[in-house]
Amino acid sequence: MKIGEQVVACVGIRKHEGVKCLAIYGIGEYLGEQIPTDEHPLHPKERFEQPRFAQPMVKIGDITITEWQSPFYTLHDFDNIVGKNLDKPVIQFPIIQRITKDKK
């Protein structure tokens, strides 16, 4: 993926109202690898008190998500995924952010 390229954050196949669907967070701009902030969930390697490390990120609207939250696919690759799952609708799910409390 190239910085600035349009990509799809696809969560995978999920059930929605009893029907299997392709769940996406949306289409956004690929930002490249960046250090996550406290708003982003910890990667498994970071759970053992290791420092944060750069992760691929995408900006969807006002929200930036890491590849740890959802795999990213180019538009071409996502078209192939849809083509293999024509029986499943594509549904956009809301992005759930971790809310951090101010430490004072």
Protein backbone atom coordinates (compact mmCIF):
# COMPACT_ATOMS: atom_id res chain seq x y z
CA MET A 1 0.00 0.00 0.00
CA LYS A 2 1.13 3.52 -0.72
CA ILE A 3 0.64 6.55 1.53
CA GLY A 4 -2.46 8.46 0.41
CA GLU A 5 -4.02 5.43 -1.30
CA GLN A 6 -7.70 4.68 -0.65
CA VAL A 7 -8.10 1.45 1.34
CA VAL A 8 -10.95 -0.47 2.97
CA ALA A 9 -10.88 -1.41 6.66
CA CYS A 10 -12.71 -4.76 6.57
CA VAL A 11 -13.43 -6.55 9.83
CA GLY A 12 -14.42 -9.81 8.10
CA ILE A 13 -17.62 -11.81 7.97
CA ARG A 14 -20.04 -11.07 10.82
CA LYS A 15 -23.69 -11.77 11.55
CA HIS A 16 -25.98 -8.75 11.40
CA GLU A 17 -29.67 -9.22 12.15
CA GLY A 18 -29.31 -12.95 11.52
CA VAL A 19 -27.61 -12.57 8.12
CA LYS A 20 -23.92 -13.11 7.40
CA CYS A 21 -22.35 -9.99 5.90
CA LEU A 22 -18.99 -8.45 5.05
CA ALA A 23 -18.39 -6.01 7.89
CA ILE A 24 -16.36 -2.89 7.11
CA TYR A 25 -15.42 0.20 9.08
CA GLY A 26 -15.25 2.21 5.89
CA ILE A 27 -12.97 3.50 3.17
CA GLY A 28 -10.14 5.78 4.19
CA GLU A 29 -6.72 7.16 3.39
CA TYR A 30 -3.67 5.04 4.13
CA LEU A 31 -1.30 7.04 6.38
CA GLY A 32 1.63 4.63 6.48
CA GLU A 33 3.21 3.37 9.69
CA GLN A 34 2.84 5.63 12.71
CA ILE A 35 3.11 5.30 16.46
CA PRO A 36 -0.36 4.68 17.95
CA THR A 37 -1.74 6.98 20.64
CA ASP A 38 -3.44 6.03 23.90
CA GLU A 39 -6.77 5.93 22.00
CA HIS A 40 -5.63 2.83 20.11
CA PRO A 41 -5.81 -0.63 21.66
CA LEU A 42 -2.58 -2.34 22.64
CA HIS A 43 -1.04 -4.79 20.22
CA PRO A 44 -0.36 -8.18 21.88
CA LYS A 45 3.39 -7.46 21.97
CA GLU A 46 2.69 -4.20 23.82
CA ARG A 47 0.74 -5.91 26.60
CA PHE A 48 3.94 -7.13 28.20
CA GLU A 49 5.22 -3.65 29.06
CA GLN A 50 7.11 -3.24 25.82
CA PRO A 51 7.14 0.22 24.22
CA ARG A 52 4.65 1.09 21.53
CA PHE A 53 5.82 0.46 18.01
CA ALA A 54 4.77 1.86 14.64
CA GLN A 55 1.73 0.26 13.01
CA PRO A 56 0.02 0.77 9.64
CA MET A 57 -2.80 3.34 10.04
CA VAL A 58 -5.81 4.54 8.06
CA LYS A 59 -7.83 7.72 8.55
CA ILE A 60 -11.57 7.16 8.08
CA GLY A 61 -13.43 10.44 8.49
CA ASP A 62 -12.22 11.98 11.77
CA ILE A 63 -10.96 8.70 13.21
CA THR A 64 -7.58 7.05 12.72
CA ILE A 65 -7.42 3.28 13.22
CA THR A 66 -4.53 0.81 13.28
CA GLU A 67 -4.26 -2.39 11.33
CA TRP A 68 -4.46 -4.15 14.70
CA GLN A 69 -8.09 -2.93 14.94
CA SER A 70 -8.98 -4.04 11.41
CA PRO A 71 -7.08 -5.46 8.42
CA PHE A 72 -6.69 -3.07 5.48
CA TYR A 73 -7.31 -3.97 1.84
CA THR A 74 -6.72 -2.01 -1.35
CA LEU A 75 -9.90 -1.27 -3.31
CA HIS A 76 -8.86 -3.87 -5.90
CA ASP A 77 -8.31 -6.56 -3.24
CA PHE A 78 -11.61 -5.70 -1.57
CA ASP A 79 -13.42 -6.03 -4.93
CA ASN A 80 -12.00 -9.56 -5.14
CA ILE A 81 -13.25 -10.34 -1.62
CA VAL A 82 -16.73 -9.07 -2.51
CA GLY A 83 -16.64 -11.09 -5.74
CA LYS A 84 -16.01 -14.28 -3.75
CA ASN A 85 -18.86 -13.44 -1.34
CA LEU A 86 -21.61 -12.18 -3.64
CA ASP A 87 -24.26 -13.78 -1.40
CA LYS A 88 -23.25 -11.52 1.52
CA PRO A 89 -24.17 -7.84 1.77
CA VAL A 90 -21.48 -5.27 2.70
CA ILE A 91 -22.46 -3.41 5.87
CA GLN A 92 -20.58 -0.55 7.50
CA PHE A 93 -20.24 -0.88 11.26
CA PRO A 94 -19.37 2.01 13.60
CA ILE A 95 -15.77 2.34 14.74
CA ILE A 96 -15.53 1.80 18.48
CA GLN A 97 -12.84 3.92 20.10
CA ARG A 98 -11.29 3.35 23.46
CA ILE A 99 -12.04 6.32 25.68
CA THR A 100 -9.22 7.35 27.97
CA LYS A 101 -9.66 9.34 31.15
CA ASP A 102 -7.52 12.36 31.84
CA LYS A 103 -4.86 11.61 34.43
CA LYS A 104 -4.45 14.52 36.86
